[in-house]
Each structure stands twice: as C-alpha cells, then as structure tokens.
Amino acid sequence: MQPWEELALSARQLRQLLRPAPPDVIADLGPEHAVFRQVGPRLLATFTFEGAPFVQPLLTALDLLREISAHPRRVIPATAPMTFVPRRWRRHVVDDSKALNRRFYELCVLFELRDRLRAGDIWVQGSRLYRSLDEYLAPVSVPAPLPPAIARLPVPPYVTAESYLAERMELLDRRLRDTARLLEAGSADGVTLEGGKLKLRRPGADEMPEADRLTDRLHRMVLQIRITDLLEEVDGWTDLAGHFGHVQTGRPPSDRRAFLATLIGEANNLGLTRMAQVCPVATRRQFLWIATWHTREETYRTGLARLVEAQHREPLARWFGVGTGATSDGQHFHLGGPGEAAGEVNAHYGRDHAIKLYTHISDRYAPFHVTVIAATAGEAGHVLDGLLHHDSALDLRVHRTDAAGVSDHVFALMHLLGLRFLPRIPNLNDRRLYAFEPRSRYGVLSPLLSERLDRGLIESHRDEVHAGDGRGARR
C-alpha cells in the first residue's frame, strides 16, 4: 500500500510532465540558420538600407554582418550593438558565457530588419513598397496650403521628449491612483470593480411626460411645406446657388429654379429624366446641362459648408449644442442598377450590393462632411477625414463615435491634434491600461493593467511623431 501523500505527489509530478510547455519558436529557428545564411549575405549585398535615427544600432548591425559574411568562423565582437535585440531574443543571442551567439545574432538582425521595414522605420532607396515615409509627404521647402480645418488647430510650442513625458507621467500616475482610490472606496460614480472587471451602471431613461407633451405640441405647430418652396427660401437666405459656379466662367446658374430642381433630382435618386416629367420648370436637356457644368464635388462641398455655417448662426440651433462638438457614424445603403458594381463585396450586411456613407454631424445637427466607403470597410480610418477636410468655418474641439470608430491610432492622433475623443468603447473589460509604474502601485486597478510603458521607445520616436502630426508639419 502506498500512502496517500506519496500518491498525491506522484499525481502532481505526472501532471507537470504531461503539461505542454509553451513552444520556443526562436530556439526552433536555430537548425534553419543554414537557409538564412544563404539568403542573408545576398540580401545585404544587394540593397542599401537607410532609416530613422532611432534604428541606427540596427543599421550598424547590418554593416557588421556585411563585413563578416565572408568569414563563416568569425565571432561576433563584444562591442556589437545590442539595444535593438528584443527581450525574447536575448537568452538565445547571449549564451551562458556572456558571449554573443553568431547564429542567433544574425537571425535576430534579419527578423528585426523585417519588422522595421514593415513599420517604415527602415527603407530602401528606389523601392516602391519600402520607401521613406517622407516621400509620401509634401516637401518642407515647398509647404502646401493647409485646409482651413487644419489651419484652425492650435499650434503648441515644441517641448522636448523629457519635458513632455515628465508631465504626462505625472498626470497618468495621479489619475490612476485617484481612480483606484475611488473604486476601492466604492464612491466612483456609476462604476464598480467586481472580480477584476469593471461594471458600468446603465443610465435609466428620463421619463418626462411634460416634455413629450411639449414635443407633440411643437410638431403640430410645424407647417406642411413643399420641399421646392423650402429650398427656394433657403437659397434666398444663403445664396446657395451662387456657390455652384460654372466650371469655366464661375458664374452661378442663370435659372435658379431649374438648378434647385436638379439638386432635388440628384438628392432623392429620382433622376433627371423623371424630374423633367414631374417638374415643368425645365426640360431634361436643361437639367442635364446644369448637372454637367454646375454640380461638381467642389461646388457641393462649398455649398454644404455655407449651409452648415448658416444653420450654426441660427439662434434656435444654440439650444442643441455649443457648436464645437461633432459625431460620426456610417449608414448602410443598398445599391441597384448601374451602381451595383461599386458594392460587390458585402460580407456584413448580406448578399446584396451595398456601400456605406460615413457622415460627420455637428452638435447642432448640421451634417458637414460625407465620405463614401465600402460596406465592409472599417470606420475608424475615416474618423479624422471629416474633422480635418471640411470646408466650413466650424471650430471643432470634441468628437464622439460609436464602437466602430475606436482604434488606438485615432486616440493618439486626436491627442496630437489637440482634439478630445469621446467614443463608446466596446468590450471594455477585454482592454488593458498601461502605466510607467509597476501594477502593484495602483491597488484594485492592477487586474486592468498590462505591461509597463517603454519610456525609451517613446523618447526615441518623439521628434518623428511631432513632425508627422498635423500641427508640427506647420512649424
């Protein structure tokens, strides 16, 4: 008979033996070094790599590999650059005797070269795919005129990476400690932390019967008016037709009623032929002439901008918002007829052909920008389009989106541009916070924190980030 304690110990040891260890992918690359050894020297001898200042250690390592490629038995010198070697590679690159393992050092350099090429930190002169990011930007010596929306953004004074990080680190640390203290005391408004997960209290609907009665009363007071009469009256207030100049002369349409009917025909997909049948102010040929010579993308943008500005000047519009906020969202539209080919891929909304219109609306309910995107396209990449490329005089400072508009890139660019981003963040408990200090410093918030931020990495990229954002480009 075997004692129970010995049997339990044997069972634990057996479970440990049967438990699969995490695969060591880097160690498995060692036997494949011969393949890389055939390709690597040819690659380095064929191309000349250049890069940003912070990748200079990797470029130095590439020069070192070029130099020793003809000497298979030569060891890697102890002075070889190591700052670019990731943590997961170090135990393979540096052996037990603290010497550099040439085989894994060469592999690490080649894999880091691949990653830096993908990121755009290293480029190849003459390459179409792996070229410098500066080649995509306008030359600094010939500054291009900025769109009005970008020109209105505040230009901050340049601060060094040390000053910037010192201020942000202190702010982040204070906010995290204050939040942890409120959650631990149970005094956070509408938020609790249970089992390491945030619980947000769903706001209840405001039941105001008197407001509903007032809404019904106001709706009954609104007069029934034909859209043609309304558009003609708005044109008299804003000179809308005056912004649709002829493509050659710049003069506005001579027949304003025919022009407004053309706008209606295009806006509701009625078409010019059907519009000529139901509206006797002009023939189809006259409608087609106006649409050809007066309605273009730039004239629509200018006309929309003037309408938005006029709406914001109305005293009634001030009840809805202060005029500095905006929201954006995508709307799904099915296509038919000649437009079907534009939306052949529609995996999210079924088999029908479709597109999405991504619309930006101000907090005074003025739609100031619309972008046509594919039905399956992500919306986050188009959030900044409307904020930076509208032609109106709106001075926007706060932007809100739904879950589809959320990404780390949008958060970062909003901060760099001096804008506040207030999205609805999906799957909140699946996301993690990051701090410069250890997780243990923040008590109950520690389950929500991931790895520590790399200050050195941020400092090395600070100048490039400042030069690439919308404000630094104007300095």
Protein backbone atom coordinates (compact mmCIF):
# COMPACT_ATOMS: atom_id res chain seq x y z
CA MET A 1 0.00 0.00 0.00
CA GLN A 2 1.26 3.47 -0.92
CA PRO A 3 0.50 6.39 1.41
CA TRP A 4 -1.99 8.95 0.10
CA GLU A 5 0.55 11.80 0.36
CA GLU A 6 3.02 10.00 -1.92
CA LEU A 7 0.24 9.19 -4.40
CA ALA A 8 -0.86 12.84 -4.49
CA LEU A 9 2.75 13.97 -5.01
CA SER A 10 3.20 11.49 -7.86
CA ALA A 11 -0.02 12.74 -9.45
CA ARG A 12 1.19 16.36 -9.31
CA GLN A 13 4.53 15.42 -10.82
CA LEU A 14 2.80 13.47 -13.58
CA ARG A 15 0.56 16.42 -14.41
CA GLN A 16 3.60 18.66 -14.67
CA LEU A 17 5.26 16.23 -17.04
CA LEU A 18 2.18 15.93 -19.22
CA ARG A 19 1.51 19.68 -19.28
CA PRO A 20 2.76 21.02 -22.64
CA ALA A 21 5.37 23.73 -22.27
CA PRO A 22 4.99 26.88 -24.37
CA PRO A 23 6.76 26.40 -27.69
CA ASP A 24 10.13 28.12 -28.06
CA VAL A 25 9.82 29.33 -31.63
CA ILE A 26 13.14 31.14 -31.57
CA ALA A 27 15.03 28.01 -30.49
CA ASP A 28 13.38 26.10 -33.35
CA LEU A 29 14.90 28.61 -35.80
CA GLY A 30 18.43 27.53 -34.88
CA PRO A 31 18.55 24.46 -37.15
CA GLU A 32 17.19 26.60 -40.02
CA HIS A 33 20.09 29.05 -39.81
CA ALA A 34 21.73 27.49 -42.86
CA VAL A 35 18.85 28.70 -45.05
CA PHE A 36 19.12 32.23 -43.71
CA ARG A 37 22.90 32.03 -44.11
CA GLN A 38 22.44 31.53 -47.86
CA VAL A 39 19.93 34.36 -48.29
CA GLY A 40 21.13 36.94 -45.75
CA PRO A 41 24.51 37.92 -47.28
CA ARG A 42 22.96 38.24 -50.75
CA LEU A 43 20.19 40.44 -49.38
CA LEU A 44 22.60 42.73 -47.54
CA ALA A 45 24.96 42.95 -50.52
CA THR A 46 22.16 43.83 -52.95
CA PHE A 47 20.32 46.58 -51.07
CA THR A 48 21.37 49.66 -49.14
CA PHE A 49 19.18 50.24 -46.12
CA GLU A 50 18.55 53.63 -44.55
CA GLY A 51 16.47 54.52 -41.54
CA ALA A 52 15.40 56.93 -38.85
CA PRO A 53 17.93 57.92 -36.16
CA PHE A 54 16.48 55.57 -33.54
CA VAL A 55 17.24 52.48 -35.70
CA GLN A 56 20.90 53.37 -36.12
CA PRO A 57 22.03 50.45 -33.90
CA LEU A 58 20.25 48.02 -36.22
CA LEU A 59 21.82 49.65 -39.29
CA THR A 60 25.22 49.30 -37.62
CA ALA A 61 24.50 45.61 -37.04
CA LEU A 62 23.65 45.22 -40.74
CA ASP A 63 27.01 46.76 -41.68
CA LEU A 64 28.70 44.35 -39.27
CA LEU A 65 27.02 41.34 -40.89
CA ARG A 66 28.10 42.56 -44.34
CA GLU A 67 31.67 42.78 -43.11
CA ILE A 68 31.86 39.29 -41.58
CA SER A 69 29.66 37.48 -44.12
CA ALA A 70 32.75 36.22 -45.98
CA HIS A 71 34.25 34.76 -42.79
CA PRO A 72 32.00 31.95 -41.51
CA ARG A 73 34.18 31.25 -38.48
CA ARG A 74 34.49 34.81 -37.29
CA VAL A 75 32.76 35.54 -33.99
CA ILE A 76 30.53 38.49 -33.23
CA PRO A 77 32.60 41.08 -31.32
CA ALA A 78 31.53 42.02 -27.82
CA THR A 79 31.13 45.63 -28.99
CA ALA A 80 28.34 44.70 -31.43
CA PRO A 81 25.15 46.77 -30.93
CA MET A 82 22.55 45.09 -28.73
CA THR A 83 19.98 47.79 -27.96
CA PHE A 84 17.67 46.63 -30.75
CA VAL A 85 17.57 43.00 -29.55
CA PRO A 86 14.11 42.24 -28.06
CA ARG A 87 13.86 40.64 -24.64
CA ARG A 88 12.60 37.31 -26.01
CA TRP A 89 15.74 37.01 -28.15
CA ARG A 90 18.35 37.90 -25.52
CA ARG A 91 18.66 34.49 -23.86
CA HIS A 92 19.40 33.00 -27.27
CA VAL A 93 21.70 35.75 -28.53
CA VAL A 94 23.77 35.85 -25.31
CA ASP A 95 24.93 32.39 -24.19
CA ASP A 96 25.86 31.22 -20.70
CA SER A 97 29.42 32.53 -21.05
CA LYS A 98 28.09 36.04 -21.88
CA ALA A 99 29.42 35.70 -25.42
CA LEU A 100 27.30 36.56 -28.45
CA ASN A 101 25.94 33.59 -30.39
CA ARG A 102 26.57 34.43 -34.04
CA ARG A 103 23.85 32.16 -35.35
CA PHE A 104 21.06 33.71 -33.27
CA TYR A 105 22.51 37.22 -33.58
CA GLU A 106 22.27 37.01 -37.37
CA LEU A 107 18.74 35.64 -37.16
CA CYS A 108 17.70 38.40 -34.75
CA VAL A 109 19.12 41.11 -37.03
CA LEU A 110 17.26 39.74 -40.06
CA PHE A 111 13.96 39.40 -38.21
CA GLU A 112 14.27 42.92 -36.79
CA LEU A 113 15.07 44.19 -40.28
CA ARG A 114 11.83 42.62 -41.50
CA ASP A 115 9.80 44.27 -38.73
CA ARG A 116 11.40 47.69 -39.22
CA LEU A 117 10.77 47.53 -42.98
CA ARG A 118 7.12 46.77 -42.31
CA ALA A 119 6.88 49.66 -39.86
CA GLY A 120 8.55 52.14 -42.21
CA ASP A 121 11.42 52.80 -39.80
CA ILE A 122 13.90 51.43 -42.37
CA TRP A 123 13.61 51.96 -46.10
CA VAL A 124 15.35 51.10 -49.38
CA GLN A 125 16.17 53.86 -51.82
CA GLY A 126 14.38 53.29 -55.13
CA SER A 127 11.88 50.82 -53.70
CA ARG A 128 8.19 51.33 -54.34
CA LEU A 129 6.99 49.34 -51.36
CA TYR A 130 9.68 50.02 -48.76
CA ARG A 131 10.41 53.70 -49.23
CA SER A 132 10.81 56.53 -46.75
CA LEU A 133 7.66 57.97 -45.23
CA ASP A 134 8.99 61.44 -46.09
CA GLU A 135 8.46 60.64 -49.76
CA TYR A 136 4.71 60.46 -49.10
CA LEU A 137 4.68 63.95 -47.54
CA ALA A 138 4.94 67.36 -49.15
CA PRO A 139 8.50 68.77 -49.16
CA VAL A 140 9.16 71.07 -46.23
CA SER A 141 10.81 73.63 -48.52
CA VAL A 142 7.57 73.99 -50.51
CA PRO A 143 4.75 74.00 -47.92
CA ALA A 144 1.37 73.29 -49.44
CA PRO A 145 -1.63 75.36 -48.34
CA LEU A 146 -3.40 73.68 -45.47
CA PRO A 147 -7.14 73.00 -45.44
CA PRO A 148 -8.97 75.56 -43.28
CA ALA A 149 -9.97 72.94 -40.70
CA ILE A 150 -6.31 72.02 -40.11
CA ALA A 151 -5.17 75.65 -40.11
CA ARG A 152 -7.54 76.40 -37.21
CA LEU A 153 -5.94 73.80 -34.94
CA PRO A 154 -3.78 75.32 -32.20
CA VAL A 155 -0.03 75.12 -32.76
CA PRO A 156 1.59 74.15 -29.45
CA PRO A 157 5.12 75.17 -28.52
CA TYR A 158 7.68 72.48 -29.12
CA VAL A 159 8.69 70.62 -25.96
CA THR A 160 11.43 68.07 -25.56
CA ALA A 161 10.63 64.42 -25.02
CA GLU A 162 11.87 64.66 -21.44
CA SER A 163 9.58 67.58 -20.57
CA TYR A 164 6.59 66.06 -22.33
CA LEU A 165 6.99 62.65 -20.70
CA ALA A 166 7.59 64.11 -17.25
CA GLU A 167 4.27 65.98 -17.43
CA ARG A 168 2.31 63.05 -18.91
CA MET A 169 3.80 60.51 -16.50
CA GLU A 170 2.82 62.62 -13.50
CA LEU A 171 -0.70 63.14 -14.88
CA LEU A 172 -1.20 59.44 -15.70
CA ASP A 173 0.08 58.32 -12.31
CA ARG A 174 -2.18 60.76 -10.47
CA ARG A 175 -5.27 59.81 -12.49
CA LEU A 176 -4.72 56.08 -11.98
CA ARG A 177 -4.17 56.44 -8.23
CA ASP A 178 -7.24 58.67 -7.86
CA THR A 179 -9.37 56.19 -9.82
CA ALA A 180 -8.09 53.26 -7.77
CA ARG A 181 -8.88 55.12 -4.56
CA LEU A 182 -12.44 55.90 -5.69
CA LEU A 183 -13.08 52.31 -6.79
CA GLU A 184 -11.69 50.89 -3.57
CA ALA A 185 -13.90 53.21 -1.52
CA GLY A 186 -16.95 52.41 -3.68
CA SER A 187 -17.50 56.11 -4.40
CA ALA A 188 -16.92 56.10 -8.17
CA ASP A 189 -19.99 57.48 -9.91
CA GLY A 190 -21.74 54.71 -11.83
CA VAL A 191 -18.72 52.36 -11.84
CA THR A 192 -17.80 49.40 -9.64
CA LEU A 193 -14.99 46.84 -9.81
CA GLU A 194 -16.09 43.26 -9.21
CA GLY A 195 -13.78 40.29 -9.68
CA GLY A 196 -11.24 42.40 -11.53
CA LYS A 197 -13.84 43.61 -14.04
CA LEU A 198 -15.50 46.98 -14.40
CA LYS A 199 -19.27 47.15 -14.03
CA LEU A 200 -20.91 50.23 -15.51
CA ARG A 201 -24.38 51.19 -14.40
CA ARG A 202 -26.70 51.59 -17.35
CA PRO A 203 -28.26 55.06 -17.24
CA GLY A 204 -32.01 54.98 -16.91
CA ALA A 205 -34.32 56.66 -19.37
CA ASP A 206 -35.50 60.09 -18.32
CA GLU A 207 -39.29 59.97 -18.18
CA MET A 208 -40.65 63.47 -18.61
CA PRO A 209 -44.31 63.41 -19.64
CA GLU A 210 -44.43 67.19 -19.84
CA ALA A 211 -41.54 67.13 -22.36
CA ASP A 212 -43.38 64.59 -24.51
CA ARG A 213 -46.49 66.75 -24.49
CA LEU A 214 -44.45 69.80 -25.45
CA THR A 215 -42.81 67.85 -28.28
CA ASP A 216 -46.19 66.84 -29.70
CA ARG A 217 -47.39 70.43 -29.45
CA LEU A 218 -44.34 71.75 -31.29
CA HIS A 219 -44.74 69.13 -34.03
CA ARG A 220 -48.33 70.26 -34.61
CA MET A 221 -47.13 73.84 -34.98
CA VAL A 222 -44.74 72.97 -37.82
CA LEU A 223 -46.30 73.91 -41.14
CA GLN A 224 -46.54 71.49 -44.04
CA ILE A 225 -44.41 72.97 -46.82
CA ARG A 226 -43.26 71.70 -50.19
CA ILE A 227 -39.57 70.90 -50.39
CA THR A 228 -39.21 73.02 -53.52
CA ASP A 229 -40.59 76.08 -51.71
CA LEU A 230 -38.38 75.40 -48.69
CA LEU A 231 -35.23 75.02 -50.79
CA GLU A 232 -36.03 78.20 -52.71
CA GLU A 233 -36.45 80.10 -49.44
CA VAL A 234 -33.16 78.74 -48.06
CA ASP A 235 -31.46 79.77 -51.30
CA GLY A 236 -32.73 83.29 -50.74
CA TRP A 237 -31.22 83.33 -47.23
CA THR A 238 -27.86 81.75 -48.04
CA ASP A 239 -27.28 82.31 -51.79
CA LEU A 240 -26.82 78.55 -52.15
CA ALA A 241 -26.96 78.61 -55.96
CA GLY A 242 -24.23 81.26 -56.03
CA HIS A 243 -21.71 78.69 -54.81
CA PHE A 244 -22.33 76.36 -57.76
CA GLY A 245 -20.34 78.28 -60.34
CA HIS A 246 -19.89 77.29 -63.96
CA VAL A 247 -16.83 75.11 -64.49
CA GLN A 248 -15.39 77.64 -66.99
CA THR A 249 -16.78 81.07 -66.11
CA GLY A 250 -17.54 80.60 -62.41
CA ARG A 251 -20.93 82.27 -62.82
CA PRO A 252 -23.94 80.89 -60.90
CA PRO A 253 -26.81 79.18 -62.75
CA SER A 254 -28.97 81.64 -64.65
CA ASP A 255 -32.19 79.71 -63.91
CA ARG A 256 -32.20 79.16 -60.15
CA ARG A 257 -35.45 77.21 -60.06
CA ALA A 258 -34.15 74.73 -62.63
CA PHE A 259 -30.93 74.44 -60.63
CA LEU A 260 -32.82 73.70 -57.39
CA ALA A 261 -34.91 71.09 -59.20
CA THR A 262 -31.67 69.47 -60.42
CA LEU A 263 -30.43 69.28 -56.83
CA ILE A 264 -33.66 67.62 -55.72
CA GLY A 265 -33.48 65.10 -58.56
CA GLU A 266 -29.95 64.08 -57.61
CA ALA A 267 -30.59 64.12 -53.86
CA ASN A 268 -33.51 61.69 -53.82
CA ASN A 269 -32.28 59.44 -56.68
CA LEU A 270 -35.28 60.47 -58.74
CA GLY A 271 -33.06 61.10 -61.76
CA LEU A 272 -33.14 63.92 -64.26
CA THR A 273 -35.49 62.16 -66.69
CA ARG A 274 -38.15 61.56 -64.06
CA MET A 275 -37.59 65.05 -62.66
CA ALA A 276 -38.32 66.57 -66.07
CA GLN A 277 -41.59 64.59 -66.18
CA VAL A 278 -42.87 65.75 -62.79
CA CYS A 279 -41.37 69.27 -62.72
CA PRO A 280 -42.26 71.57 -65.65
CA VAL A 281 -39.67 74.29 -64.86
CA ALA A 282 -37.15 72.82 -67.34
CA THR A 283 -36.57 70.03 -69.81
CA ARG A 284 -34.34 67.01 -69.26
CA ARG A 285 -31.73 68.59 -71.54
CA GLN A 286 -31.66 71.74 -69.40
CA PHE A 287 -31.37 69.68 -66.21
CA LEU A 288 -28.52 67.68 -67.74
CA TRP A 289 -26.72 70.86 -68.79
CA ILE A 290 -26.90 72.25 -65.23
CA ALA A 291 -25.75 68.97 -63.71
CA THR A 292 -22.80 68.79 -66.14
CA TRP A 293 -21.50 72.33 -65.79
CA HIS A 294 -22.52 73.44 -62.28
CA THR A 295 -22.67 70.43 -59.95
CA ARG A 296 -19.26 69.07 -59.06
CA GLU A 297 -17.69 67.70 -55.88
CA GLU A 298 -16.02 71.01 -55.03
CA THR A 299 -19.22 73.02 -55.56
CA TYR A 300 -21.18 70.60 -53.40
CA ARG A 301 -18.54 70.92 -50.67
CA THR A 302 -18.65 74.72 -50.77
CA GLY A 303 -22.45 74.85 -50.84
CA LEU A 304 -22.71 72.40 -47.94
CA ALA A 305 -20.21 74.45 -45.93
CA ARG A 306 -22.24 77.64 -46.36
CA LEU A 307 -25.45 75.85 -45.35
CA VAL A 308 -23.76 74.47 -42.23
CA GLU A 309 -22.48 77.90 -41.25
CA ALA A 310 -25.91 79.44 -41.77
CA GLN A 311 -27.53 76.77 -39.60
CA HIS A 312 -24.99 77.35 -36.82
CA ARG A 313 -25.80 81.08 -36.83
CA GLU A 314 -29.47 80.45 -36.15
CA PRO A 315 -30.43 81.22 -32.50
CA LEU A 316 -32.56 78.07 -32.33
CA ALA A 317 -29.55 75.86 -33.15
CA ARG A 318 -27.77 77.02 -29.97
CA TRP A 319 -30.24 75.05 -27.88
CA PHE A 320 -28.84 71.79 -29.26
CA GLY A 321 -25.11 72.35 -28.68
CA VAL A 322 -22.30 74.82 -28.27
CA GLY A 323 -21.09 74.29 -31.84
CA THR A 324 -17.66 72.80 -31.06
CA GLY A 325 -18.66 69.13 -30.86
CA ALA A 326 -19.32 66.54 -33.54
CA THR A 327 -20.22 62.90 -34.03
CA SER A 328 -19.71 60.49 -36.92
CA ASP A 329 -21.25 57.20 -37.96
CA GLY A 330 -21.70 55.03 -41.03
CA GLN A 331 -25.02 54.40 -42.77
CA HIS A 332 -25.59 51.34 -44.92
CA PHE A 333 -27.26 51.77 -48.33
CA HIS A 334 -28.19 49.08 -50.84
CA LEU A 335 -27.25 49.65 -54.47
CA GLY A 336 -29.13 48.87 -57.62
CA GLY A 337 -28.93 49.43 -61.35
CA PRO A 338 -25.66 50.93 -62.67
CA GLY A 339 -24.32 51.37 -59.13
CA GLU A 340 -24.27 47.66 -58.26
CA ALA A 341 -20.66 47.16 -59.33
CA ALA A 342 -19.48 49.63 -56.66
CA GLY A 343 -20.55 47.35 -53.84
CA GLU A 344 -19.91 43.77 -54.92
CA VAL A 345 -18.39 42.79 -51.56
CA ASN A 346 -20.93 42.97 -48.74
CA ALA A 347 -20.00 40.38 -46.13
CA HIS A 348 -21.52 42.23 -43.17
CA TYR A 349 -24.96 43.12 -44.49
CA GLY A 350 -25.85 40.07 -46.57
CA ARG A 351 -25.56 39.25 -50.25
CA ASP A 352 -26.98 42.47 -51.68
CA HIS A 353 -24.69 45.10 -53.19
CA ALA A 354 -24.16 47.94 -50.75
CA ILE A 355 -21.97 50.85 -49.70
CA LYS A 356 -21.67 52.94 -46.56
CA LEU A 357 -21.88 56.69 -46.21
CA TYR A 358 -19.73 57.84 -43.31
CA THR A 359 -21.26 61.12 -42.12
CA HIS A 360 -19.97 63.75 -39.69
CA ILE A 361 -22.62 65.81 -37.89
CA SER A 362 -22.04 68.77 -35.58
CA ASP A 363 -23.67 69.02 -32.17
CA ARG A 364 -26.11 71.48 -33.76
CA TYR A 365 -27.25 68.72 -36.15
CA ALA A 366 -25.51 70.06 -39.26
CA PRO A 367 -24.01 67.31 -41.49
CA PHE A 368 -20.74 68.93 -42.59
CA HIS A 369 -18.91 66.01 -44.27
CA VAL A 370 -19.82 62.73 -46.00
CA THR A 371 -17.42 60.03 -47.23
CA VAL A 372 -18.40 57.07 -49.41
CA ILE A 373 -16.69 53.87 -48.21
CA ALA A 374 -17.07 50.17 -48.89
CA ALA A 375 -19.71 48.29 -46.93
CA THR A 376 -17.03 46.12 -45.32
CA ALA A 377 -14.52 48.92 -44.65
CA GLY A 378 -13.59 49.82 -41.09
CA GLU A 379 -14.89 53.18 -39.96
CA ALA A 380 -12.03 54.15 -37.64
CA GLY A 381 -9.77 55.05 -40.55
CA HIS A 382 -12.25 57.71 -41.73
CA VAL A 383 -12.95 59.46 -38.42
CA LEU A 384 -10.34 62.18 -39.00
CA ASP A 385 -11.32 62.77 -42.64
CA GLY A 386 -14.35 64.85 -41.81
CA LEU A 387 -12.69 66.71 -38.95
CA LEU A 388 -9.68 67.81 -41.00
CA HIS A 389 -11.07 68.16 -44.52
CA HIS A 390 -14.37 70.02 -44.30
CA ASP A 391 -14.73 73.48 -45.88
CA SER A 392 -16.92 75.11 -43.23
CA ALA A 393 -15.79 77.55 -40.54
CA LEU A 394 -16.71 75.20 -37.68
CA ASP A 395 -14.17 75.26 -34.85
CA LEU A 396 -14.47 71.67 -33.64
CA ARG A 397 -12.79 70.51 -30.43
CA VAL A 398 -14.67 67.36 -29.27
CA HIS A 399 -15.62 64.29 -31.30
CA ARG A 400 -17.74 61.25 -30.46
CA THR A 401 -18.17 57.95 -32.30
CA ASP A 402 -19.74 54.58 -31.71
CA ALA A 403 -17.73 51.39 -31.25
CA ALA A 404 -16.82 51.13 -34.94
CA GLY A 405 -14.81 54.36 -34.81
CA VAL A 406 -12.49 53.27 -31.98
CA SER A 407 -8.82 52.47 -32.53
CA ASP A 408 -5.55 53.24 -30.78
CA HIS A 409 -4.41 55.24 -33.80
CA VAL A 410 -7.44 57.55 -33.63
CA PHE A 411 -6.91 58.08 -29.90
CA ALA A 412 -3.26 59.01 -30.48
CA LEU A 413 -3.88 61.33 -33.43
CA MET A 414 -6.73 63.11 -31.67
CA HIS A 415 -4.41 63.88 -28.77
CA LEU A 416 -1.62 65.06 -31.08
CA LEU A 417 -4.06 67.37 -32.90
CA GLY A 418 -5.41 68.88 -29.69
CA LEU A 419 -8.88 67.29 -30.04
CA ARG A 420 -10.85 65.40 -27.41
CA PHE A 421 -12.04 61.94 -28.42
CA LEU A 422 -15.04 60.54 -26.52
CA PRO A 423 -16.07 57.25 -28.18
CA ARG A 424 -18.21 54.40 -26.96
CA ILE A 425 -15.53 51.81 -26.23
CA PRO A 426 -16.68 48.24 -26.96
CA ASN A 427 -15.68 45.21 -24.87
CA LEU A 428 -14.24 47.40 -22.15
CA ASN A 429 -13.12 44.53 -19.92
CA ASP A 430 -11.14 42.97 -22.77
CA ARG A 431 -8.94 46.06 -22.97
CA ARG A 432 -5.99 46.90 -20.75
CA LEU A 433 -4.44 50.06 -19.36
CA TYR A 434 -0.73 50.81 -19.48
CA ALA A 435 1.40 52.75 -17.00
CA PHE A 436 5.03 53.65 -16.42
CA GLU A 437 4.98 52.41 -12.83
CA PRO A 438 4.51 48.81 -11.60
CA ARG A 439 0.95 47.48 -11.42
CA SER A 440 1.17 46.96 -7.67
CA ARG A 441 1.22 50.74 -7.20
CA TYR A 442 -2.42 51.04 -8.27
CA GLY A 443 -4.11 48.57 -5.94
CA VAL A 444 -7.50 47.40 -7.15
CA LEU A 445 -6.73 48.61 -10.68
CA SER A 446 -3.85 46.15 -11.09
CA PRO A 447 -6.00 43.46 -12.87
CA LEU A 448 -6.77 46.03 -15.58
CA LEU A 449 -3.13 46.95 -16.19
CA SER A 450 -0.83 45.25 -18.66
CA GLU A 451 2.89 45.68 -19.32
CA ARG A 452 4.75 48.84 -18.36
CA LEU A 453 5.25 51.54 -20.97
CA ASP A 454 8.70 51.80 -22.53
CA ARG A 455 9.85 55.37 -21.92
CA GLY A 456 12.99 54.94 -24.01
CA LEU A 457 10.96 53.83 -27.02
CA ILE A 458 8.72 56.89 -26.75
CA GLU A 459 11.68 59.25 -26.39
CA SER A 460 13.39 57.83 -29.47
CA HIS A 461 10.27 58.44 -31.61
CA ARG A 462 9.21 61.79 -30.15
CA ASP A 463 10.68 64.06 -32.84
CA GLU A 464 9.30 61.96 -35.69
CA VAL A 465 5.84 61.91 -34.11
CA HIS A 466 5.86 65.67 -33.59
CA ALA A 467 7.00 66.29 -37.17
CA GLY A 468 4.36 63.95 -38.58
CA ASP A 469 1.26 65.22 -36.80
CA GLY A 470 -0.98 67.87 -38.30
CA ARG A 471 0.33 70.71 -36.15
CA GLY A 472 4.06 70.02 -36.22
CA ALA A 473 4.02 70.00 -40.03
CA ARG A 474 3.24 73.72 -40.00
CA ARG A 475 6.20 74.75 -37.86
